[in-house]
């Protein structure tokens, strides 16, 4: 068990369903806080880039409307080391639209999108010094974690979550837990 989980007294789903506030924030950024050469290992030795090596502790997630199409660019970096990251999304399967090496460039990547028969996965290997683009339809209400499957990376911040709103019908609304459901 990693230290990340030692802080939780209950699950994010319980917080969400009970409308508990101040446990997590919905301000996961849409873009990186700073743009730099993500794949250059000098990020670890250049004193001017030292602030990039520190993460802010917090539980930040992204709120998503029911049935929204979510597309994410997952950019690997050289911060702390270079290795691939198997990123896994709970609650959904997603399309892997494209993968590549180097810093993601939207213009260059557009020609590599596979919109005809993309891979369908719930885990994608973001390559060393590279990136992957995933897309899914947020049609499963609740709180769903996206995390690196290398557990040692969780304390470094390689995890976030999506809070997917309830849909318009009873079938697309998360039911309350049963009365005998054990609490954390």
N, C-alpha and C. Protein backbone atom coordinates (compact mmCIF):
# COMPACT_ATOMS: atom_id res chain seq x y z
N UNK A 1 0.85 -1.17 0.00
CA UNK A 1 0.00 0.00 0.00
C UNK A 1 0.90 1.24 0.00
N UNK A 2 0.61 2.19 -0.85
CA UNK A 2 1.41 3.40 -0.90
C UNK A 2 0.83 4.45 0.03
N UNK A 3 1.65 5.45 0.37
CA UNK A 3 1.20 6.47 1.30
C UNK A 3 0.02 7.27 0.77
N UNK A 4 -0.17 7.27 -0.55
CA UNK A 4 -1.28 8.02 -1.12
C UNK A 4 -2.60 7.60 -0.51
N UNK A 5 -2.77 6.32 -0.27
CA UNK A 5 -4.05 5.81 0.21
C UNK A 5 -4.20 5.91 1.72
N UNK A 6 -3.16 6.22 2.43
CA UNK A 6 -3.25 6.31 3.88
C UNK A 6 -4.07 7.50 4.34
N UNK A 7 -4.24 8.50 3.49
CA UNK A 7 -4.95 9.70 3.87
C UNK A 7 -6.46 9.57 3.72
N UNK A 8 -6.93 8.57 3.01
CA UNK A 8 -8.35 8.46 2.72
C UNK A 8 -9.09 7.74 3.85
N UNK A 9 -10.10 8.38 4.38
CA UNK A 9 -10.96 7.76 5.39
C UNK A 9 -12.24 7.21 4.75
N UNK A 10 -12.53 7.65 3.54
CA UNK A 10 -13.68 7.16 2.79
C UNK A 10 -13.37 7.34 1.32
N UNK A 11 -14.22 6.81 0.45
CA UNK A 11 -13.92 6.86 -0.98
C UNK A 11 -14.43 8.16 -1.60
N UNK A 12 -13.83 8.52 -2.75
CA UNK A 12 -14.27 9.71 -3.47
C UNK A 12 -15.73 9.58 -3.90
N UNK A 13 -16.15 8.36 -4.22
CA UNK A 13 -17.54 8.15 -4.59
C UNK A 13 -18.49 8.45 -3.45
N UNK A 14 -18.08 8.10 -2.22
CA UNK A 14 -18.91 8.41 -1.05
C UNK A 14 -18.97 9.92 -0.83
N UNK A 15 -17.84 10.60 -1.02
CA UNK A 15 -17.81 12.06 -0.87
C UNK A 15 -18.77 12.70 -1.86
N UNK A 16 -18.70 12.20 -3.10
CA UNK A 16 -19.50 12.77 -4.18
C UNK A 16 -20.98 12.57 -3.91
N UNK A 17 -21.35 11.34 -3.59
CA UNK A 17 -22.76 11.01 -3.39
C UNK A 17 -23.34 11.79 -2.20
N UNK A 18 -22.53 11.99 -1.15
CA UNK A 18 -23.00 12.69 0.03
C UNK A 18 -22.83 14.21 -0.09
N UNK A 19 -22.30 14.67 -1.24
CA UNK A 19 -22.09 16.10 -1.48
C UNK A 19 -21.18 16.73 -0.42
N UNK A 20 -20.14 15.97 -0.02
CA UNK A 20 -19.17 16.47 0.95
C UNK A 20 -18.26 17.46 0.24
N UNK A 21 -18.00 18.60 0.85
CA UNK A 21 -17.15 19.62 0.25
C UNK A 21 -15.78 19.64 0.91
N UNK A 22 -14.83 20.27 0.24
CA UNK A 22 -13.47 20.47 0.75
C UNK A 22 -12.64 19.19 0.86
N UNK A 23 -13.04 18.12 0.20
CA UNK A 23 -12.23 16.91 0.19
C UNK A 23 -11.37 16.88 -1.06
N UNK A 24 -11.94 17.32 -2.16
CA UNK A 24 -11.19 17.43 -3.40
C UNK A 24 -11.65 18.70 -4.11
N UNK A 25 -10.86 19.12 -5.07
CA UNK A 25 -11.22 20.30 -5.85
C UNK A 25 -11.39 19.90 -7.31
N UNK A 26 -12.18 20.64 -8.03
CA UNK A 26 -12.46 20.34 -9.43
C UNK A 26 -11.67 21.29 -10.33
N UNK A 27 -10.40 21.51 -10.00
CA UNK A 27 -9.59 22.45 -10.77
C UNK A 27 -8.38 21.80 -11.43
N UNK A 28 -8.51 20.52 -11.79
CA UNK A 28 -7.43 19.90 -12.55
C UNK A 28 -7.29 20.72 -13.84
N UNK A 29 -6.07 21.14 -14.17
CA UNK A 29 -5.90 22.09 -15.28
C UNK A 29 -6.18 21.48 -16.65
N UNK A 30 -6.63 22.32 -17.57
CA UNK A 30 -6.82 21.89 -18.96
C UNK A 30 -5.51 21.83 -19.73
N UNK A 31 -4.51 22.56 -19.26
CA UNK A 31 -3.21 22.64 -19.93
C UNK A 31 -2.10 22.58 -18.89
N UNK A 32 -0.88 22.23 -19.32
CA UNK A 32 0.24 22.21 -18.36
C UNK A 32 0.43 23.59 -17.73
N UNK A 33 0.89 23.59 -16.48
CA UNK A 33 1.14 24.86 -15.78
C UNK A 33 2.25 25.64 -16.46
N UNK A 34 3.20 24.94 -17.07
CA UNK A 34 4.31 25.59 -17.78
C UNK A 34 4.66 24.73 -18.99
N UNK A 35 4.98 25.39 -20.08
CA UNK A 35 5.43 24.66 -21.27
C UNK A 35 6.95 24.67 -21.27
N UNK A 36 7.53 23.50 -21.51
CA UNK A 36 8.98 23.35 -21.58
C UNK A 36 9.26 22.14 -22.45
N UNK A 37 10.51 21.82 -22.65
CA UNK A 37 10.87 20.63 -23.43
C UNK A 37 10.65 19.42 -22.52
N UNK A 38 9.46 18.84 -22.59
CA UNK A 38 9.06 17.77 -21.68
C UNK A 38 9.98 16.56 -21.70
N UNK A 39 10.63 16.31 -22.82
CA UNK A 39 11.42 15.08 -22.96
C UNK A 39 12.91 15.28 -22.75
N UNK A 40 13.35 16.48 -22.42
CA UNK A 40 14.77 16.77 -22.24
C UNK A 40 15.16 16.51 -20.78
N UNK A 41 16.13 15.61 -20.56
CA UNK A 41 16.51 15.23 -19.20
C UNK A 41 17.19 16.35 -18.43
N UNK A 42 17.57 17.45 -19.07
CA UNK A 42 18.17 18.56 -18.33
C UNK A 42 17.18 19.21 -17.37
N UNK A 43 15.91 18.87 -17.48
CA UNK A 43 14.92 19.37 -16.52
C UNK A 43 15.32 18.96 -15.10
N UNK A 44 16.09 17.89 -14.97
CA UNK A 44 16.50 17.39 -13.66
C UNK A 44 17.76 18.03 -13.12
N UNK A 45 18.50 18.75 -13.95
CA UNK A 45 19.77 19.33 -13.49
C UNK A 45 19.83 20.85 -13.63
N UNK A 46 19.00 21.44 -14.46
CA UNK A 46 19.01 22.88 -14.67
C UNK A 46 18.33 23.56 -13.48
N UNK A 47 19.08 24.38 -12.70
CA UNK A 47 18.47 25.01 -11.51
C UNK A 47 17.26 25.89 -11.85
N UNK A 48 17.23 26.48 -13.02
CA UNK A 48 16.10 27.35 -13.36
C UNK A 48 14.81 26.54 -13.58
N UNK A 49 14.94 25.23 -13.81
CA UNK A 49 13.77 24.38 -14.04
C UNK A 49 13.36 23.61 -12.79
N UNK A 50 14.02 23.86 -11.65
CA UNK A 50 13.73 23.14 -10.42
C UNK A 50 12.26 23.20 -10.02
N UNK A 51 11.57 24.34 -10.18
CA UNK A 51 10.14 24.35 -9.79
C UNK A 51 9.29 23.32 -10.53
N UNK A 52 9.72 22.90 -11.71
CA UNK A 52 8.96 21.91 -12.47
C UNK A 52 9.04 20.52 -11.84
N UNK A 53 10.04 20.30 -11.00
CA UNK A 53 10.23 18.98 -10.40
C UNK A 53 9.39 18.78 -9.15
N UNK A 54 8.70 19.79 -8.72
CA UNK A 54 7.89 19.69 -7.50
C UNK A 54 6.41 19.71 -7.86
N UNK A 55 5.68 18.81 -7.28
CA UNK A 55 4.23 18.81 -7.50
C UNK A 55 3.55 19.44 -6.30
N UNK A 56 2.36 19.90 -6.51
CA UNK A 56 1.55 20.47 -5.44
C UNK A 56 0.69 19.35 -4.90
N UNK A 57 0.71 19.16 -3.58
CA UNK A 57 -0.13 18.12 -2.99
C UNK A 57 -1.58 18.57 -3.02
N UNK A 58 -2.43 17.69 -3.43
CA UNK A 58 -3.85 17.99 -3.47
C UNK A 58 -4.59 16.91 -4.23
N UNK A 59 -5.87 16.87 -4.06
CA UNK A 59 -6.72 15.94 -4.81
C UNK A 59 -7.54 16.78 -5.77
N UNK A 60 -7.02 16.88 -7.01
CA UNK A 60 -7.68 17.70 -8.03
C UNK A 60 -8.28 16.77 -9.08
N UNK A 61 -9.48 17.07 -9.47
CA UNK A 61 -10.11 16.26 -10.51
C UNK A 61 -10.77 17.18 -11.53
N UNK A 62 -11.32 16.56 -12.54
CA UNK A 62 -11.98 17.30 -13.62
C UNK A 62 -13.45 16.91 -13.62
N UNK A 63 -14.34 17.92 -13.53
CA UNK A 63 -15.78 17.67 -13.63
C UNK A 63 -16.15 17.56 -15.10
N UNK A 64 -16.99 16.58 -15.41
CA UNK A 64 -17.39 16.31 -16.79
C UNK A 64 -18.89 16.10 -16.82
N UNK A 65 -19.55 16.69 -17.79
CA UNK A 65 -20.99 16.49 -17.95
C UNK A 65 -21.26 15.08 -18.49
N UNK A 66 -22.41 14.54 -18.12
CA UNK A 66 -22.81 13.23 -18.62
C UNK A 66 -22.87 13.25 -20.15
N UNK A 67 -22.34 12.21 -20.77
CA UNK A 67 -22.30 12.00 -22.22
C UNK A 67 -21.34 12.93 -22.96
N UNK A 68 -20.52 13.69 -22.23
CA UNK A 68 -19.52 14.54 -22.89
C UNK A 68 -18.44 13.66 -23.51
N UNK A 69 -17.88 14.12 -24.61
CA UNK A 69 -16.72 13.45 -25.21
C UNK A 69 -15.47 14.08 -24.60
N UNK A 70 -14.64 13.24 -23.99
CA UNK A 70 -13.43 13.69 -23.32
C UNK A 70 -12.23 13.22 -24.13
N UNK A 71 -11.37 14.14 -24.51
CA UNK A 71 -10.14 13.80 -25.23
C UNK A 71 -8.97 14.36 -24.44
N UNK A 72 -7.97 13.53 -24.20
CA UNK A 72 -6.81 13.94 -23.41
C UNK A 72 -5.52 13.61 -24.13
N UNK A 73 -4.58 14.55 -24.04
CA UNK A 73 -3.21 14.29 -24.47
C UNK A 73 -2.43 13.93 -23.22
N UNK A 74 -1.84 12.77 -23.21
CA UNK A 74 -1.03 12.30 -22.09
C UNK A 74 0.43 12.42 -22.51
N UNK A 75 1.13 13.41 -21.98
CA UNK A 75 2.52 13.70 -22.35
C UNK A 75 3.46 13.15 -21.29
N UNK A 76 4.37 12.28 -21.70
CA UNK A 76 5.38 11.79 -20.78
C UNK A 76 6.45 12.86 -20.64
N UNK A 77 7.09 12.91 -19.49
CA UNK A 77 8.15 13.89 -19.27
C UNK A 77 9.41 13.17 -18.78
N UNK A 78 10.51 13.91 -18.77
CA UNK A 78 11.78 13.39 -18.26
C UNK A 78 11.98 13.76 -16.79
N UNK A 79 10.98 14.35 -16.16
CA UNK A 79 11.12 14.73 -14.75
C UNK A 79 11.30 13.48 -13.91
N UNK A 80 12.32 13.48 -13.10
CA UNK A 80 12.72 12.40 -12.20
C UNK A 80 13.26 11.17 -12.92
N UNK A 81 13.07 11.04 -14.20
CA UNK A 81 13.58 9.88 -14.93
C UNK A 81 12.74 9.63 -16.16
N UNK A 82 13.25 8.76 -17.00
CA UNK A 82 12.53 8.46 -18.24
C UNK A 82 12.11 7.00 -18.23
N UNK A 83 10.82 6.78 -18.30
CA UNK A 83 10.26 5.45 -18.43
C UNK A 83 8.84 5.56 -18.96
N UNK A 84 8.33 4.45 -19.44
CA UNK A 84 6.95 4.52 -19.93
C UNK A 84 6.00 4.46 -18.74
N UNK A 85 4.80 4.97 -18.95
CA UNK A 85 3.80 5.00 -17.89
C UNK A 85 2.52 4.33 -18.39
N UNK A 86 2.17 3.17 -17.82
CA UNK A 86 0.89 2.54 -18.18
C UNK A 86 -0.24 3.24 -17.42
N UNK A 87 -0.97 4.11 -18.10
CA UNK A 87 -2.04 4.87 -17.46
C UNK A 87 -3.37 4.14 -17.64
N UNK A 88 -4.06 3.95 -16.53
CA UNK A 88 -5.28 3.16 -16.49
C UNK A 88 -6.45 4.02 -16.03
N UNK A 89 -7.56 3.94 -16.74
CA UNK A 89 -8.77 4.68 -16.40
C UNK A 89 -9.84 3.72 -15.90
N UNK A 90 -10.33 3.96 -14.71
CA UNK A 90 -11.41 3.15 -14.15
C UNK A 90 -12.75 3.64 -14.71
N UNK A 91 -13.68 2.71 -14.88
CA UNK A 91 -15.04 3.07 -15.23
C UNK A 91 -15.34 3.22 -16.71
N UNK A 92 -14.31 3.21 -17.55
CA UNK A 92 -14.51 3.44 -18.99
C UNK A 92 -13.50 2.66 -19.81
N UNK A 93 -13.87 2.35 -21.01
CA UNK A 93 -12.92 2.01 -22.05
C UNK A 93 -12.73 3.27 -22.88
N UNK A 94 -11.56 3.44 -23.45
CA UNK A 94 -11.29 4.62 -24.26
C UNK A 94 -10.67 4.21 -25.58
N UNK A 95 -10.72 5.12 -26.54
CA UNK A 95 -10.07 4.94 -27.83
C UNK A 95 -8.67 5.53 -27.73
N UNK A 96 -7.67 4.80 -28.21
CA UNK A 96 -6.32 5.33 -28.34
C UNK A 96 -6.26 5.90 -29.77
N UNK A 97 -6.32 7.22 -29.88
CA UNK A 97 -6.39 7.86 -31.19
C UNK A 97 -5.03 8.01 -31.86
N UNK A 98 -3.99 8.22 -31.05
CA UNK A 98 -2.65 8.39 -31.62
C UNK A 98 -1.61 8.26 -30.52
N UNK A 99 -0.41 7.92 -30.91
CA UNK A 99 0.74 7.88 -30.02
C UNK A 99 1.95 8.35 -30.80
N UNK A 100 2.93 8.91 -30.08
CA UNK A 100 4.13 9.35 -30.76
C UNK A 100 5.24 9.64 -29.78
N UNK A 101 6.38 10.08 -30.32
CA UNK A 101 7.54 10.38 -29.51
C UNK A 101 7.86 11.86 -29.58
N UNK A 102 8.55 12.34 -28.56
CA UNK A 102 8.89 13.75 -28.48
C UNK A 102 7.78 14.53 -27.81
N UNK A 103 7.85 15.83 -27.94
CA UNK A 103 6.83 16.70 -27.38
C UNK A 103 5.61 16.71 -28.29
N UNK A 104 4.43 16.61 -27.71
CA UNK A 104 3.21 16.60 -28.50
C UNK A 104 3.08 17.91 -29.27
N UNK A 105 2.74 17.78 -30.54
CA UNK A 105 2.50 18.92 -31.41
C UNK A 105 1.16 18.65 -32.10
N UNK A 106 0.16 19.45 -31.80
CA UNK A 106 -1.20 19.20 -32.31
C UNK A 106 -1.25 19.18 -33.83
N UNK A 107 -0.53 20.08 -34.47
CA UNK A 107 -0.55 20.15 -35.93
C UNK A 107 0.06 18.89 -36.54
N UNK A 108 1.20 18.47 -36.02
CA UNK A 108 1.86 17.27 -36.55
C UNK A 108 1.07 16.00 -36.21
N UNK A 109 0.45 15.97 -35.04
CA UNK A 109 -0.26 14.77 -34.61
C UNK A 109 -1.57 14.56 -35.37
N UNK A 110 -2.14 15.61 -35.89
CA UNK A 110 -3.44 15.50 -36.57
C UNK A 110 -3.42 14.45 -37.67
N UNK A 111 -2.32 14.33 -38.37
CA UNK A 111 -2.25 13.36 -39.48
C UNK A 111 -2.11 11.93 -38.98
N UNK A 112 -1.79 11.73 -37.70
CA UNK A 112 -1.62 10.37 -37.19
C UNK A 112 -2.85 9.86 -36.43
N UNK A 113 -3.90 10.69 -36.32
CA UNK A 113 -5.12 10.25 -35.64
C UNK A 113 -5.73 9.06 -36.38
N UNK A 114 -6.10 8.03 -35.62
CA UNK A 114 -6.82 6.90 -36.19
C UNK A 114 -8.27 7.02 -35.74
N UNK A 115 -9.12 7.53 -36.62
CA UNK A 115 -10.54 7.69 -36.32
C UNK A 115 -11.39 6.61 -36.98
N UNK A 116 -10.74 5.67 -37.68
CA UNK A 116 -11.46 4.61 -38.39
C UNK A 116 -11.63 3.38 -37.51
N UNK A 117 -10.53 2.87 -36.99
CA UNK A 117 -10.58 1.67 -36.15
C UNK A 117 -9.56 1.76 -35.01
N UNK A 118 -9.71 2.75 -34.14
CA UNK A 118 -8.73 2.92 -33.06
C UNK A 118 -8.80 1.77 -32.06
N UNK A 119 -7.67 1.54 -31.39
CA UNK A 119 -7.64 0.55 -30.32
C UNK A 119 -8.61 0.97 -29.21
N UNK A 120 -9.27 0.00 -28.61
CA UNK A 120 -10.14 0.26 -27.46
C UNK A 120 -9.47 -0.38 -26.25
N UNK A 121 -9.19 0.43 -25.26
CA UNK A 121 -8.43 -0.01 -24.09
C UNK A 121 -8.98 0.65 -22.83
N UNK A 122 -8.49 0.20 -21.68
CA UNK A 122 -8.68 0.94 -20.44
C UNK A 122 -7.33 1.30 -19.83
N UNK A 123 -6.25 0.87 -20.49
CA UNK A 123 -4.88 1.19 -20.10
C UNK A 123 -4.10 1.48 -21.36
N UNK A 124 -3.28 2.53 -21.32
CA UNK A 124 -2.43 2.87 -22.47
C UNK A 124 -1.01 3.08 -21.96
N UNK A 125 -0.05 2.59 -22.70
CA UNK A 125 1.36 2.82 -22.37
C UNK A 125 1.78 4.14 -23.01
N UNK A 126 2.02 5.14 -22.18
CA UNK A 126 2.54 6.41 -22.69
C UNK A 126 4.04 6.21 -22.80
N UNK A 127 4.58 6.23 -24.03
CA UNK A 127 5.97 5.81 -24.22
C UNK A 127 6.99 6.77 -23.61
N UNK A 128 8.17 6.23 -23.33
CA UNK A 128 9.29 7.04 -22.85
C UNK A 128 9.49 8.17 -23.84
N UNK A 129 9.53 9.40 -23.32
CA UNK A 129 9.76 10.55 -24.19
C UNK A 129 8.68 10.74 -25.24
N UNK A 130 7.47 10.35 -24.94
CA UNK A 130 6.41 10.44 -25.94
C UNK A 130 5.07 10.82 -25.35
N UNK A 131 4.02 10.54 -26.10
CA UNK A 131 2.68 10.97 -25.75
C UNK A 131 1.66 9.99 -26.32
N UNK A 132 0.44 10.09 -25.81
CA UNK A 132 -0.69 9.32 -26.33
C UNK A 132 -1.93 10.20 -26.22
N UNK A 133 -2.85 9.99 -27.13
CA UNK A 133 -4.12 10.72 -27.11
C UNK A 133 -5.23 9.69 -26.93
N UNK A 134 -6.05 9.93 -25.91
CA UNK A 134 -7.18 9.04 -25.66
C UNK A 134 -8.48 9.84 -25.73
N UNK A 135 -9.56 9.12 -26.02
CA UNK A 135 -10.89 9.75 -26.09
C UNK A 135 -11.92 8.76 -25.56
N UNK A 136 -12.86 9.27 -24.76
CA UNK A 136 -13.95 8.43 -24.28
C UNK A 136 -15.21 9.27 -24.11
N UNK A 137 -16.34 8.59 -24.05
CA UNK A 137 -17.62 9.24 -23.79
C UNK A 137 -17.93 9.04 -22.32
N UNK A 138 -18.16 10.13 -21.60
CA UNK A 138 -18.39 10.10 -20.15
C UNK A 138 -19.85 9.73 -19.88
N UNK A 139 -20.16 8.44 -20.01
CA UNK A 139 -21.54 7.98 -19.87
C UNK A 139 -21.71 7.05 -18.66
N UNK A 140 -20.84 7.21 -17.66
CA UNK A 140 -20.90 6.38 -16.46
C UNK A 140 -20.74 7.32 -15.25
N UNK A 141 -21.85 7.76 -14.64
CA UNK A 141 -21.74 8.76 -13.57
C UNK A 141 -20.99 8.24 -12.36
N UNK A 142 -20.32 9.18 -11.69
CA UNK A 142 -19.55 8.85 -10.50
C UNK A 142 -18.18 9.48 -10.56
N UNK A 143 -17.30 9.06 -9.67
CA UNK A 143 -15.93 9.54 -9.61
C UNK A 143 -15.02 8.40 -10.04
N UNK A 144 -14.21 8.65 -11.08
CA UNK A 144 -13.38 7.60 -11.69
C UNK A 144 -11.93 8.06 -11.76
N UNK A 145 -11.03 7.23 -11.23
CA UNK A 145 -9.61 7.57 -11.17
C UNK A 145 -8.89 7.19 -12.46
N UNK A 146 -7.97 8.06 -12.86
CA UNK A 146 -7.00 7.79 -13.94
C UNK A 146 -5.65 7.81 -13.25
N UNK A 147 -4.90 6.70 -13.33
CA UNK A 147 -3.65 6.62 -12.59
C UNK A 147 -2.61 5.79 -13.32
N UNK A 148 -1.36 6.02 -12.96
CA UNK A 148 -0.27 5.20 -13.47
C UNK A 148 -0.33 3.86 -12.76
N UNK A 149 -0.15 2.78 -13.51
CA UNK A 149 -0.18 1.44 -12.92
C UNK A 149 1.13 1.08 -12.23
N UNK A 150 2.11 1.94 -12.28
CA UNK A 150 3.32 1.75 -11.49
C UNK A 150 3.05 2.45 -10.15
N UNK A 151 2.67 1.69 -9.16
CA UNK A 151 2.20 2.26 -7.89
C UNK A 151 3.18 3.23 -7.26
N UNK A 152 4.46 3.03 -7.46
CA UNK A 152 5.46 3.94 -6.88
C UNK A 152 5.31 5.35 -7.43
N UNK A 153 4.61 5.52 -8.56
CA UNK A 153 4.45 6.84 -9.17
C UNK A 153 3.26 7.62 -8.60
N UNK A 154 2.39 6.98 -7.85
CA UNK A 154 1.22 7.67 -7.31
C UNK A 154 1.60 8.79 -6.34
N UNK A 155 2.54 8.59 -5.42
CA UNK A 155 2.90 9.70 -4.52
C UNK A 155 3.51 10.90 -5.26
N UNK A 156 4.00 10.68 -6.50
CA UNK A 156 4.55 11.79 -7.29
C UNK A 156 3.44 12.57 -7.99
N UNK A 157 2.22 12.09 -7.91
CA UNK A 157 1.11 12.82 -8.51
C UNK A 157 0.62 12.26 -9.83
N UNK A 158 1.00 11.04 -10.17
CA UNK A 158 0.55 10.48 -11.44
C UNK A 158 -0.83 9.83 -11.29
N UNK A 159 -1.77 10.66 -10.91
CA UNK A 159 -3.17 10.23 -10.80
C UNK A 159 -4.05 11.47 -10.77
N UNK A 160 -5.25 11.30 -11.27
CA UNK A 160 -6.30 12.31 -11.16
C UNK A 160 -7.62 11.55 -11.22
N UNK A 161 -8.71 12.25 -11.27
CA UNK A 161 -10.00 11.59 -11.36
C UNK A 161 -10.96 12.46 -12.16
N UNK A 162 -11.98 11.82 -12.67
CA UNK A 162 -13.06 12.50 -13.37
C UNK A 162 -14.32 12.37 -12.53
N UNK A 163 -15.02 13.46 -12.33
CA UNK A 163 -16.32 13.44 -11.69
C UNK A 163 -17.35 13.60 -12.80
N UNK A 164 -18.01 12.50 -13.12
CA UNK A 164 -18.99 12.50 -14.21
C UNK A 164 -20.37 12.72 -13.62
N UNK A 165 -21.05 13.75 -14.10
CA UNK A 165 -22.37 14.11 -13.58
C UNK A 165 -23.40 13.04 -13.92
N UNK A 166 -24.47 13.01 -13.15
CA UNK A 166 -25.58 12.12 -13.46
C UNK A 166 -26.21 12.52 -14.78
N UNK A 167 -26.80 11.54 -15.44
CA UNK A 167 -27.51 11.80 -16.68
C UNK A 167 -28.95 12.19 -16.43
N UNK A 168 -29.73 12.36 -17.49
CA UNK A 168 -31.10 12.86 -17.36
C UNK A 168 -32.14 11.82 -16.96
N UNK A 169 -31.78 10.54 -16.95
CA UNK A 169 -32.77 9.50 -16.65
C UNK A 169 -32.35 8.71 -15.42
N UNK A 170 -33.27 7.91 -14.91
CA UNK A 170 -32.95 7.06 -13.76
C UNK A 170 -31.85 6.06 -14.12
N UNK A 171 -31.84 5.59 -15.36
CA UNK A 171 -30.84 4.62 -15.80
C UNK A 171 -29.45 5.25 -15.93
N UNK A 172 -29.39 6.56 -16.04
CA UNK A 172 -28.10 7.24 -16.18
C UNK A 172 -27.75 8.05 -14.93
N UNK A 173 -28.34 7.66 -13.81
CA UNK A 173 -28.09 8.32 -12.53
C UNK A 173 -27.51 7.30 -11.56
N UNK A 174 -26.46 7.70 -10.88
CA UNK A 174 -25.84 6.80 -9.91
C UNK A 174 -26.78 6.59 -8.74
N UNK A 175 -27.17 5.34 -8.47
CA UNK A 175 -28.07 5.11 -7.34
C UNK A 175 -27.31 5.25 -6.02
N UNK A 176 -28.03 5.49 -4.93
CA UNK A 176 -27.36 5.57 -3.64
C UNK A 176 -26.85 4.17 -3.25
N UNK A 177 -25.84 4.13 -2.39
CA UNK A 177 -25.39 2.81 -1.93
C UNK A 177 -26.47 2.14 -1.11
N UNK A 178 -26.49 0.81 -1.08
CA UNK A 178 -27.50 0.12 -0.28
C UNK A 178 -27.27 0.40 1.21
N UNK A 179 -28.30 0.28 2.02
CA UNK A 179 -28.18 0.60 3.45
C UNK A 179 -27.11 -0.21 4.16
N UNK A 180 -26.87 -1.45 3.72
CA UNK A 180 -25.89 -2.29 4.40
C UNK A 180 -24.49 -2.21 3.78
N UNK A 181 -24.26 -1.21 2.92
CA UNK A 181 -22.96 -1.06 2.28
C UNK A 181 -21.92 -0.63 3.32
N UNK A 182 -20.81 -1.36 3.41
CA UNK A 182 -19.82 -1.01 4.44
C UNK A 182 -19.14 0.33 4.13
N UNK A 183 -18.83 1.07 5.15
CA UNK A 183 -18.12 2.34 4.97
C UNK A 183 -16.63 2.09 5.12
N UNK A 184 -15.86 2.99 4.57
CA UNK A 184 -14.40 2.85 4.65
C UNK A 184 -13.91 3.17 6.04
